[in-house]
Amino acid sequence: MASKDSTQKQFFNITDNVPEEAWYWLAIGSILLSAGFKLGKKDHWALFVGQWPPTFIVFALYHRLLRPSSK
């Protein structure tokens, strides 16, 4: 089982290469995609995709709070 430090290091290795704005655009895109599914009467997909925005925003905020000097 991976330790907390190695898991956190792996997370930062991945997210250091992703611009902060990308997380917010992914959140907005998933909101729009969810709305599209809802309009298309695919309610299960709309609910599934509609749960993604908070995750993207949490990734952005978590990275910003723990790595404020990475820019």
N, C-alpha and C. Protein backbone atom coordinates (compact mmCIF):
# COMPACT_ATOMS: atom_id res chain seq x y z
N MET A 1 0.84 -1.18 0.00
CA MET A 1 0.00 0.00 0.00
C MET A 1 0.89 1.25 0.00
N ALA A 2 0.53 2.20 -0.82
CA ALA A 2 1.33 3.42 -0.95
C ALA A 2 1.17 4.30 0.29
N SER A 3 2.24 4.94 0.66
CA SER A 3 2.17 5.83 1.81
C SER A 3 1.52 7.15 1.41
N LYS A 4 1.12 7.90 2.43
CA LYS A 4 0.47 9.19 2.18
C LYS A 4 1.39 10.13 1.41
N ASP A 5 2.66 10.15 1.79
CA ASP A 5 3.62 11.04 1.14
C ASP A 5 3.83 10.67 -0.32
N SER A 6 3.93 9.39 -0.62
CA SER A 6 4.15 9.00 -2.02
C SER A 6 2.90 9.25 -2.86
N THR A 7 1.73 9.07 -2.26
CA THR A 7 0.48 9.36 -2.98
C THR A 7 0.37 10.84 -3.27
N GLN A 8 0.70 11.67 -2.28
CA GLN A 8 0.66 13.11 -2.48
C GLN A 8 1.69 13.55 -3.51
N LYS A 9 2.87 12.96 -3.46
CA LYS A 9 3.91 13.30 -4.44
C LYS A 9 3.45 12.93 -5.85
N GLN A 10 2.83 11.78 -6.00
CA GLN A 10 2.33 11.35 -7.30
C GLN A 10 1.24 12.31 -7.79
N PHE A 11 0.34 12.74 -6.90
CA PHE A 11 -0.71 13.71 -7.26
C PHE A 11 -0.08 15.00 -7.78
N PHE A 12 0.91 15.52 -7.05
CA PHE A 12 1.53 16.77 -7.47
C PHE A 12 2.33 16.61 -8.75
N ASN A 13 2.95 15.47 -8.98
CA ASN A 13 3.65 15.24 -10.24
C ASN A 13 2.71 15.34 -11.42
N ILE A 14 1.49 14.86 -11.25
CA ILE A 14 0.50 14.94 -12.33
C ILE A 14 -0.06 16.34 -12.46
N THR A 15 -0.49 16.93 -11.34
CA THR A 15 -1.18 18.22 -11.41
C THR A 15 -0.24 19.40 -11.66
N ASP A 16 1.04 19.25 -11.39
CA ASP A 16 1.98 20.34 -11.69
C ASP A 16 2.01 20.64 -13.19
N ASN A 17 1.69 19.66 -14.00
CA ASN A 17 1.71 19.84 -15.44
C ASN A 17 0.38 20.31 -16.01
N VAL A 18 -0.64 20.44 -15.16
CA VAL A 18 -1.96 20.89 -15.61
C VAL A 18 -2.14 22.34 -15.17
N PRO A 19 -2.39 23.25 -16.13
CA PRO A 19 -2.63 24.64 -15.73
C PRO A 19 -3.87 24.74 -14.85
N GLU A 20 -3.82 25.64 -13.88
CA GLU A 20 -4.93 25.78 -12.94
C GLU A 20 -6.25 26.07 -13.64
N GLU A 21 -6.20 26.86 -14.70
CA GLU A 21 -7.42 27.21 -15.43
C GLU A 21 -8.07 25.98 -16.05
N ALA A 22 -7.28 24.98 -16.37
CA ALA A 22 -7.82 23.77 -16.99
C ALA A 22 -8.81 23.09 -16.07
N TRP A 23 -8.55 23.07 -14.77
CA TRP A 23 -9.49 22.44 -13.83
C TRP A 23 -10.83 23.16 -13.85
N TYR A 24 -10.79 24.49 -13.90
CA TYR A 24 -12.04 25.25 -13.92
C TYR A 24 -12.79 25.07 -15.24
N TRP A 25 -12.05 25.01 -16.35
CA TRP A 25 -12.69 24.76 -17.65
C TRP A 25 -13.29 23.37 -17.70
N LEU A 26 -12.62 22.40 -17.09
CA LEU A 26 -13.18 21.05 -17.02
C LEU A 26 -14.47 21.04 -16.20
N ALA A 27 -14.51 21.81 -15.13
CA ALA A 27 -15.73 21.89 -14.32
C ALA A 27 -16.88 22.51 -15.12
N ILE A 28 -16.59 23.60 -15.81
CA ILE A 28 -17.62 24.25 -16.63
C ILE A 28 -18.07 23.33 -17.76
N GLY A 29 -17.12 22.68 -18.40
CA GLY A 29 -17.46 21.75 -19.48
C GLY A 29 -18.33 20.60 -19.01
N SER A 30 -18.04 20.08 -17.82
CA SER A 30 -18.85 18.97 -17.33
C SER A 30 -20.25 19.43 -16.92
N ILE A 31 -20.38 20.67 -16.47
CA ILE A 31 -21.71 21.22 -16.19
C ILE A 31 -22.52 21.30 -17.48
N LEU A 32 -21.88 21.81 -18.53
CA LEU A 32 -22.57 21.92 -19.83
C LEU A 32 -22.90 20.54 -20.40
N LEU A 33 -21.98 19.60 -20.27
CA LEU A 33 -22.22 18.25 -20.75
C LEU A 33 -23.38 17.60 -19.98
N SER A 34 -23.42 17.81 -18.67
CA SER A 34 -24.51 17.29 -17.86
C SER A 34 -25.85 17.90 -18.29
N ALA A 35 -25.86 19.19 -18.55
CA ALA A 35 -27.09 19.85 -19.01
C ALA A 35 -27.52 19.28 -20.36
N GLY A 36 -26.55 19.01 -21.23
CA GLY A 36 -26.87 18.41 -22.53
C GLY A 36 -27.49 17.04 -22.38
N PHE A 37 -26.94 16.24 -21.49
CA PHE A 37 -27.52 14.92 -21.22
C PHE A 37 -28.94 15.05 -20.67
N LYS A 38 -29.13 16.02 -19.78
CA LYS A 38 -30.47 16.21 -19.19
C LYS A 38 -31.46 16.62 -20.27
N LEU A 39 -31.06 17.52 -21.16
CA LEU A 39 -31.94 17.93 -22.25
C LEU A 39 -32.21 16.78 -23.21
N GLY A 40 -31.26 15.88 -23.33
CA GLY A 40 -31.41 14.71 -24.18
C GLY A 40 -32.12 13.56 -23.49
N LYS A 41 -32.66 13.85 -22.31
CA LYS A 41 -33.42 12.86 -21.52
C LYS A 41 -32.60 11.63 -21.14
N LYS A 42 -31.31 11.85 -20.92
CA LYS A 42 -30.43 10.79 -20.42
C LYS A 42 -30.08 11.14 -18.97
N ASP A 43 -31.08 10.95 -18.11
CA ASP A 43 -30.96 11.42 -16.73
C ASP A 43 -29.84 10.75 -15.95
N HIS A 44 -29.62 9.48 -16.16
CA HIS A 44 -28.56 8.79 -15.40
C HIS A 44 -27.18 9.35 -15.76
N TRP A 45 -26.95 9.59 -17.06
CA TRP A 45 -25.69 10.18 -17.47
C TRP A 45 -25.56 11.61 -16.97
N ALA A 46 -26.67 12.35 -16.98
CA ALA A 46 -26.65 13.73 -16.48
C ALA A 46 -26.24 13.78 -15.01
N LEU A 47 -26.78 12.86 -14.22
CA LEU A 47 -26.41 12.81 -12.80
C LEU A 47 -24.95 12.41 -12.61
N PHE A 48 -24.52 11.43 -13.40
CA PHE A 48 -23.14 10.96 -13.29
C PHE A 48 -22.15 12.07 -13.63
N VAL A 49 -22.34 12.70 -14.77
CA VAL A 49 -21.42 13.77 -15.20
C VAL A 49 -21.59 15.01 -14.32
N GLY A 50 -22.79 15.24 -13.80
CA GLY A 50 -23.05 16.39 -12.94
C GLY A 50 -22.31 16.34 -11.62
N GLN A 51 -21.76 15.19 -11.28
CA GLN A 51 -20.98 15.09 -10.04
C GLN A 51 -19.50 15.38 -10.25
N TRP A 52 -19.08 15.59 -11.46
CA TRP A 52 -17.67 15.85 -11.74
C TRP A 52 -17.20 17.25 -11.36
N PRO A 53 -17.98 18.32 -11.56
CA PRO A 53 -17.46 19.68 -11.30
C PRO A 53 -16.86 19.87 -9.91
N PRO A 54 -17.52 19.43 -8.84
CA PRO A 54 -16.89 19.64 -7.52
C PRO A 54 -15.52 18.96 -7.40
N THR A 55 -15.38 17.81 -8.06
CA THR A 55 -14.10 17.11 -8.01
C THR A 55 -13.00 17.92 -8.68
N PHE A 56 -13.30 18.46 -9.86
CA PHE A 56 -12.31 19.29 -10.56
C PHE A 56 -11.95 20.52 -9.75
N ILE A 57 -12.94 21.16 -9.14
CA ILE A 57 -12.68 22.36 -8.36
C ILE A 57 -11.87 22.03 -7.10
N VAL A 58 -12.17 20.90 -6.48
CA VAL A 58 -11.40 20.48 -5.29
C VAL A 58 -9.95 20.21 -5.67
N PHE A 59 -9.72 19.55 -6.83
CA PHE A 59 -8.34 19.34 -7.28
C PHE A 59 -7.61 20.67 -7.44
N ALA A 60 -8.26 21.64 -8.06
CA ALA A 60 -7.62 22.95 -8.27
C ALA A 60 -7.34 23.64 -6.95
N LEU A 61 -8.30 23.64 -6.05
CA LEU A 61 -8.11 24.32 -4.77
C LEU A 61 -7.09 23.61 -3.88
N TYR A 62 -7.14 22.30 -3.88
CA TYR A 62 -6.19 21.52 -3.09
C TYR A 62 -4.76 21.80 -3.57
N HIS A 63 -4.59 21.82 -4.86
CA HIS A 63 -3.27 22.10 -5.41
C HIS A 63 -2.83 23.51 -5.12
N ARG A 64 -3.75 24.46 -5.22
CA ARG A 64 -3.43 25.87 -4.96
C ARG A 64 -3.05 26.10 -3.49
N LEU A 65 -3.78 25.45 -2.59
CA LEU A 65 -3.53 25.66 -1.15
C LEU A 65 -2.24 25.00 -0.70
N LEU A 66 -1.92 23.83 -1.24
CA LEU A 66 -0.73 23.12 -0.79
C LEU A 66 0.51 23.45 -1.59
N ARG A 67 0.35 24.01 -2.76
CA ARG A 67 1.50 24.35 -3.60
C ARG A 67 1.39 25.78 -4.13
N PRO A 68 1.21 26.77 -3.25
CA PRO A 68 1.00 28.14 -3.74
C PRO A 68 2.21 28.73 -4.46
N SER A 69 3.39 28.22 -4.20
CA SER A 69 4.59 28.81 -4.82
C SER A 69 5.04 28.05 -6.06
N SER A 70 4.20 27.14 -6.58
CA SER A 70 4.63 26.34 -7.73
C SER A 70 4.56 27.12 -9.03
N LYS A 71 4.05 28.34 -9.02
CA LYS A 71 3.94 29.11 -10.26
C LYS A 71 5.07 30.08 -10.40
